[in-house]
Amino acid sequence: MSSGRALGGIVVALILVACSSSGSSSETVVQSTVAQTLATLVDTTTTSGLEPGDTIPRDDVPPLALYLAAIDRGLMGTSYEGDVYLDPDGYVNVGLLFCTLLDADVTPTGVLESYVAALEAESDELSDDDLLLGGVILGASVQLICPDYLDVLLETTGG
């Protein structure tokens, strides 16, 4: 199964889980996710006066680029290696959805349980790489998209 199709199915399934557990309508969840995505993209779109060959200061790199790079690094050596750049929107959407679930008071464990349930609905068999993918996306999301939940994630993982 391609990562784009898998991520699309996960996004849909997680939206359904979020709607059923939080009692809010799917339209509200989708509008919130779209608004968050647009705000993030507007905040991270900048121009630069750098010349070819210059090193870009880390502070000038948009957070979503760092997010995608973190996922790519976390998935090295797995069946998902390199897939983040084939479907960056899918990975960004799942990360934003994970943050939306955390905003709705779903625990990090609950987010991952919802992720696993969505995967199980899509496929009969889960691989270790599938499970690692969810943890990598959650970790990158909390670190770079919704850092307000970093302490909650660290408490959950004992870190």
C-alpha atoms as a PDB file:
ATOM      1  CA  MET A   1       0.000   0.000   0.000  1.00  0.00           C
ATOM      2  CA  SER A   2       1.430   3.408  -0.901  1.00  0.00           C
ATOM      3  CA  SER A   3       2.103   5.837   1.918  1.00  0.00           C
ATOM      4  CA  GLY A   4      -0.112   8.492   0.287  1.00  0.00           C
ATOM      5  CA  ARG A   5      -3.107   6.165   0.214  1.00  0.00           C
ATOM      6  CA  ALA A   6      -2.386   4.936   3.727  1.00  0.00           C
ATOM      7  CA  LEU A   7      -2.071   8.470   5.088  1.00  0.00           C
ATOM      8  CA  GLY A   8      -5.270   9.526   3.322  1.00  0.00           C
ATOM      9  CA  GLY A   9      -7.136   6.635   4.932  1.00  0.00           C
ATOM     10  CA  ILE A  10      -5.617   7.444   8.299  1.00  0.00           C
ATOM     11  CA  VAL A  11      -6.674  11.093   8.055  1.00  0.00           C
ATOM     12  CA  VAL A  12     -10.266  10.102   7.245  1.00  0.00           C
ATOM     13  CA  ALA A  13     -10.400   7.457   9.972  1.00  0.00           C
ATOM     14  CA  LEU A  14      -8.865   9.763  12.574  1.00  0.00           C
ATOM     15  CA  ILE A  15     -11.347  12.509  11.699  1.00  0.00           C
ATOM     16  CA  LEU A  16     -14.143  10.008  12.281  1.00  0.00           C
ATOM     17  CA  VAL A  17     -12.597   8.926  15.591  1.00  0.00           C
ATOM     18  CA  ALA A  18     -12.131  12.547  16.653  1.00  0.00           C
ATOM     19  CA  CYS A  19     -15.731  13.373  15.790  1.00  0.00           C
ATOM     20  CA  SER A  20     -17.154  10.388  17.611  1.00  0.00           C
ATOM     21  CA  SER A  21     -15.072  10.865  20.750  1.00  0.00           C
ATOM     22  CA  SER A  22     -15.318  14.631  21.069  1.00  0.00           C
ATOM     23  CA  GLY A  23     -18.953  14.985  20.043  1.00  0.00           C
ATOM     24  CA  SER A  24     -18.160  17.772  17.549  1.00  0.00           C
ATOM     25  CA  SER A  25     -19.313  17.678  13.961  1.00  0.00           C
ATOM     26  CA  SER A  26     -16.940  16.602  11.224  1.00  0.00           C
ATOM     27  CA  GLU A  27     -17.404  19.990   9.573  1.00  0.00           C
ATOM     28  CA  THR A  28     -16.004  21.722  12.669  1.00  0.00           C
ATOM     29  CA  VAL A  29     -12.983  19.386  12.778  1.00  0.00           C
ATOM     30  CA  VAL A  30     -12.300  19.850   9.067  1.00  0.00           C
ATOM     31  CA  GLN A  31     -12.700  23.644   9.305  1.00  0.00           C
ATOM     32  CA  SER A  32     -10.370  23.734  12.297  1.00  0.00           C
ATOM     33  CA  THR A  33      -7.768  21.607  10.522  1.00  0.00           C
ATOM     34  CA  VAL A  34      -7.987  23.705   7.355  1.00  0.00           C
ATOM     35  CA  ALA A  35      -7.710  26.928   9.375  1.00  0.00           C
ATOM     36  CA  GLN A  36      -4.669  25.582  11.244  1.00  0.00           C
ATOM     37  CA  THR A  37      -3.027  24.458   8.002  1.00  0.00           C
ATOM     38  CA  LEU A  38      -3.589  27.807   6.322  1.00  0.00           C
ATOM     39  CA  ALA A  39      -2.337  29.745   9.356  1.00  0.00           C
ATOM     40  CA  THR A  40       0.785  27.584   9.523  1.00  0.00           C
ATOM     41  CA  LEU A  41       1.484  27.957   5.815  1.00  0.00           C
ATOM     42  CA  VAL A  42       1.008  31.741   5.954  1.00  0.00           C
ATOM     43  CA  ASP A  43       3.274  31.986   9.002  1.00  0.00           C
ATOM     44  CA  THR A  44       6.027  29.969   7.339  1.00  0.00           C
ATOM     45  CA  THR A  45       6.043  31.618   3.912  1.00  0.00           C
ATOM     46  CA  THR A  46       8.942  34.056   3.776  1.00  0.00           C
ATOM     47  CA  THR A  47      11.395  35.436   1.263  1.00  0.00           C
ATOM     48  CA  SER A  48      15.128  35.372   1.705  1.00  0.00           C
ATOM     49  CA  GLY A  49      18.049  37.465   0.515  1.00  0.00           C
ATOM     50  CA  LEU A  50      20.392  34.458   0.497  1.00  0.00           C
ATOM     51  CA  GLU A  51      22.746  33.847  -2.386  1.00  0.00           C
ATOM     52  CA  PRO A  52      23.301  30.391  -3.920  1.00  0.00           C
ATOM     53  CA  GLY A  53      25.621  28.377  -1.698  1.00  0.00           C
ATOM     54  CA  ASP A  54      24.714  30.280   1.485  1.00  0.00           C
ATOM     55  CA  THR A  55      23.663  28.270   4.524  1.00  0.00           C
ATOM     56  CA  ILE A  56      20.131  28.990   5.649  1.00  0.00           C
ATOM     57  CA  PRO A  57      19.973  29.817   9.360  1.00  0.00           C
ATOM     58  CA  ARG A  58      17.747  27.321  11.201  1.00  0.00           C
ATOM     59  CA  ASP A  59      15.478  30.149  12.380  1.00  0.00           C
ATOM     60  CA  ASP A  60      14.697  30.941   8.731  1.00  0.00           C
ATOM     61  CA  VAL A  61      13.627  27.390   7.845  1.00  0.00           C
ATOM     62  CA  PRO A  62       9.832  27.044   7.935  1.00  0.00           C
ATOM     63  CA  PRO A  63       8.651  24.745  10.740  1.00  0.00           C
ATOM     64  CA  LEU A  64       6.876  22.433   8.287  1.00  0.00           C
ATOM     65  CA  ALA A  65      10.147  21.862   6.399  1.00  0.00           C
ATOM     66  CA  LEU A  66      11.809  20.931   9.699  1.00  0.00           C
ATOM     67  CA  TYR A  67       8.825  18.711  10.507  1.00  0.00           C
ATOM     68  CA  LEU A  68       9.145  16.817   7.218  1.00  0.00           C
ATOM     69  CA  ALA A  69      12.915  16.476   7.648  1.00  0.00           C
ATOM     70  CA  ALA A  70      12.415  15.103  11.179  1.00  0.00           C
ATOM     71  CA  ILE A  71       9.959  12.498   9.893  1.00  0.00           C
ATOM     72  CA  ASP A  72      12.303  11.560   7.057  1.00  0.00           C
ATOM     73  CA  ARG A  73      15.149  11.084   9.535  1.00  0.00           C
ATOM     74  CA  GLY A  74      12.952   9.054  11.887  1.00  0.00           C
ATOM     75  CA  LEU A  75      11.885   6.703   9.099  1.00  0.00           C
ATOM     76  CA  MET A  76      15.366   5.928   7.764  1.00  0.00           C
ATOM     77  CA  GLY A  77      15.822   2.209   7.281  1.00  0.00           C
ATOM     78  CA  THR A  78      12.071   1.499   7.181  1.00  0.00           C
ATOM     79  CA  SER A  79       9.722   0.738   4.319  1.00  0.00           C
ATOM     80  CA  TYR A  80       8.615   4.385   4.552  1.00  0.00           C
ATOM     81  CA  GLU A  81      12.097   5.831   3.986  1.00  0.00           C
ATOM     82  CA  GLY A  82      11.868   8.770   1.550  1.00  0.00           C
ATOM     83  CA  ASP A  83       8.065   8.635   1.287  1.00  0.00           C
ATOM     84  CA  VAL A  84       7.602  11.888   3.195  1.00  0.00           C
ATOM     85  CA  TYR A  85       8.741  13.847   0.140  1.00  0.00           C
ATOM     86  CA  LEU A  86       6.452  11.900  -2.214  1.00  0.00           C
ATOM     87  CA  ASP A  87       3.353  13.012  -0.262  1.00  0.00           C
ATOM     88  CA  PRO A  88       4.315  15.870   2.073  1.00  0.00           C
ATOM     89  CA  ASP A  89       0.717  17.117   2.300  1.00  0.00           C
ATOM     90  CA  GLY A  90      -0.430  13.762   3.669  1.00  0.00           C
ATOM     91  CA  TYR A  91       2.206  13.808   6.382  1.00  0.00           C
ATOM     92  CA  VAL A  92       1.446  17.437   7.259  1.00  0.00           C
ATOM     93  CA  ASN A  93      -2.286  16.687   7.433  1.00  0.00           C
ATOM     94  CA  VAL A  94      -1.756  13.725   9.758  1.00  0.00           C
ATOM     95  CA  GLY A  95       0.517  15.850  11.968  1.00  0.00           C
ATOM     96  CA  LEU A  96      -2.067  18.640  12.102  1.00  0.00           C
ATOM     97  CA  LEU A  97      -4.769  16.094  12.875  1.00  0.00           C
ATOM     98  CA  PHE A  98      -2.686  14.630  15.714  1.00  0.00           C
ATOM     99  CA  CYS A  99      -2.362  18.155  17.143  1.00  0.00           C
ATOM    100  CA  THR A 100      -6.114  18.712  16.723  1.00  0.00           C
ATOM    101  CA  LEU A 101      -6.768  15.532  18.688  1.00  0.00           C
ATOM    102  CA  LEU A 102      -4.401  16.724  21.425  1.00  0.00           C
ATOM    103  CA  ASP A 103      -6.289  20.061  21.432  1.00  0.00           C
ATOM    104  CA  ALA A 104      -9.479  18.043  21.979  1.00  0.00           C
ATOM    105  CA  ASP A 105      -7.940  16.579  25.172  1.00  0.00           C
ATOM    106  CA  VAL A 106      -7.071  13.213  23.637  1.00  0.00           C
ATOM    107  CA  THR A 107      -3.938  11.900  25.345  1.00  0.00           C
ATOM    108  CA  PRO A 108      -0.842  11.045  23.267  1.00  0.00           C
ATOM    109  CA  THR A 109      -1.590   7.386  24.011  1.00  0.00           C
ATOM    110  CA  GLY A 110      -5.150   7.922  22.784  1.00  0.00           C
ATOM    111  CA  VAL A 111      -3.861   9.546  19.599  1.00  0.00           C
ATOM    112  CA  LEU A 112      -1.658   6.532  18.891  1.00  0.00           C
ATOM    113  CA  GLU A 113      -4.474   4.117  19.761  1.00  0.00           C
ATOM    114  CA  SER A 114      -6.703   5.960  17.258  1.00  0.00           C
ATOM    115  CA  TYR A 115      -3.901   5.761  14.700  1.00  0.00           C
ATOM    116  CA  VAL A 116      -3.558   1.995  15.203  1.00  0.00           C
ATOM    117  CA  ALA A 117      -7.339   1.550  14.971  1.00  0.00           C
ATOM    118  CA  ALA A 118      -7.325   3.505  11.685  1.00  0.00           C
ATOM    119  CA  LEU A 119      -4.507   1.328  10.345  1.00  0.00           C
ATOM    120  CA  GLU A 120      -6.308  -1.851  11.367  1.00  0.00           C
ATOM    121  CA  ALA A 121      -9.405  -0.657   9.493  1.00  0.00           C
ATOM    122  CA  GLU A 122      -7.268  -0.247   6.350  1.00  0.00           C
ATOM    123  CA  SER A 123      -5.183  -3.413   6.506  1.00  0.00           C
ATOM    124  CA  ASP A 124      -5.317  -6.891   7.965  1.00  0.00           C
ATOM    125  CA  GLU A 125      -1.662  -6.879   8.930  1.00  0.00           C
ATOM    126  CA  LEU A 126       0.380  -4.192  10.686  1.00  0.00           C
ATOM    127  CA  SER A 127       4.143  -4.062  10.416  1.00  0.00           C
ATOM    128  CA  ASP A 128       6.599  -2.627  12.896  1.00  0.00           C
ATOM    129  CA  ASP A 129       7.237   0.122  10.326  1.00  0.00           C
ATOM    130  CA  ASP A 130       3.523   1.043  10.357  1.00  0.00           C
ATOM    131  CA  LEU A 131       3.590   1.401  14.130  1.00  0.00           C
ATOM    132  CA  LEU A 132       6.862   3.343  14.078  1.00  0.00           C
ATOM    133  CA  LEU A 133       5.376   5.727  11.516  1.00  0.00           C
ATOM    134  CA  GLY A 134       2.676   6.826  13.982  1.00  0.00           C
ATOM    135  CA  GLY A 135       5.187   7.438  16.762  1.00  0.00           C
ATOM    136  CA  VAL A 136       7.519   9.388  14.480  1.00  0.00           C
ATOM    137  CA  ILE A 137       4.678  11.576  13.200  1.00  0.00           C
ATOM    138  CA  LEU A 138       3.394  12.201  16.732  1.00  0.00           C
ATOM    139  CA  GLY A 139       6.868  13.081  18.008  1.00  0.00           C
ATOM    140  CA  ALA A 140       7.620  15.417  15.100  1.00  0.00           C
ATOM    141  CA  SER A 141       4.163  17.004  15.383  1.00  0.00           C
ATOM    142  CA  VAL A 142       4.508  17.745  19.059  1.00  0.00           C
ATOM    143  CA  GLN A 143       8.029  19.047  18.654  1.00  0.00           C
ATOM    144  CA  LEU A 144       7.409  21.281  15.629  1.00  0.00           C
ATOM    145  CA  ILE A 145       3.678  21.894  15.050  1.00  0.00           C
ATOM    146  CA  CYS A 146       2.074  21.916  18.503  1.00  0.00           C
ATOM    147  CA  PRO A 147       4.930  22.212  21.025  1.00  0.00           C
ATOM    148  CA  ASP A 148       2.505  23.117  23.813  1.00  0.00           C
ATOM    149  CA  TYR A 149       2.032  19.344  24.258  1.00  0.00           C
ATOM    150  CA  LEU A 150       5.721  18.475  24.602  1.00  0.00           C
ATOM    151  CA  ASP A 151       5.507  18.160  28.398  1.00  0.00           C
ATOM    152  CA  VAL A 152       2.395  15.962  28.114  1.00  0.00           C
ATOM    153  CA  LEU A 153       4.158  13.719  25.604  1.00  0.00           C
ATOM    154  CA  LEU A 154       7.283  13.478  27.764  1.00  0.00           C
ATOM    155  CA  GLU A 155       5.179  12.582  30.824  1.00  0.00           C
ATOM    156  CA  THR A 156       3.386   9.894  28.810  1.00  0.00           C
ATOM    157  CA  THR A 157       6.612   8.345  27.518  1.00  0.00           C
ATOM    158  CA  GLY A 158       8.514   8.753  30.765  1.00  0.00           C
ATOM    159  CA  GLY A 159      11.083  10.982  29.013  1.00  0.00           C
END
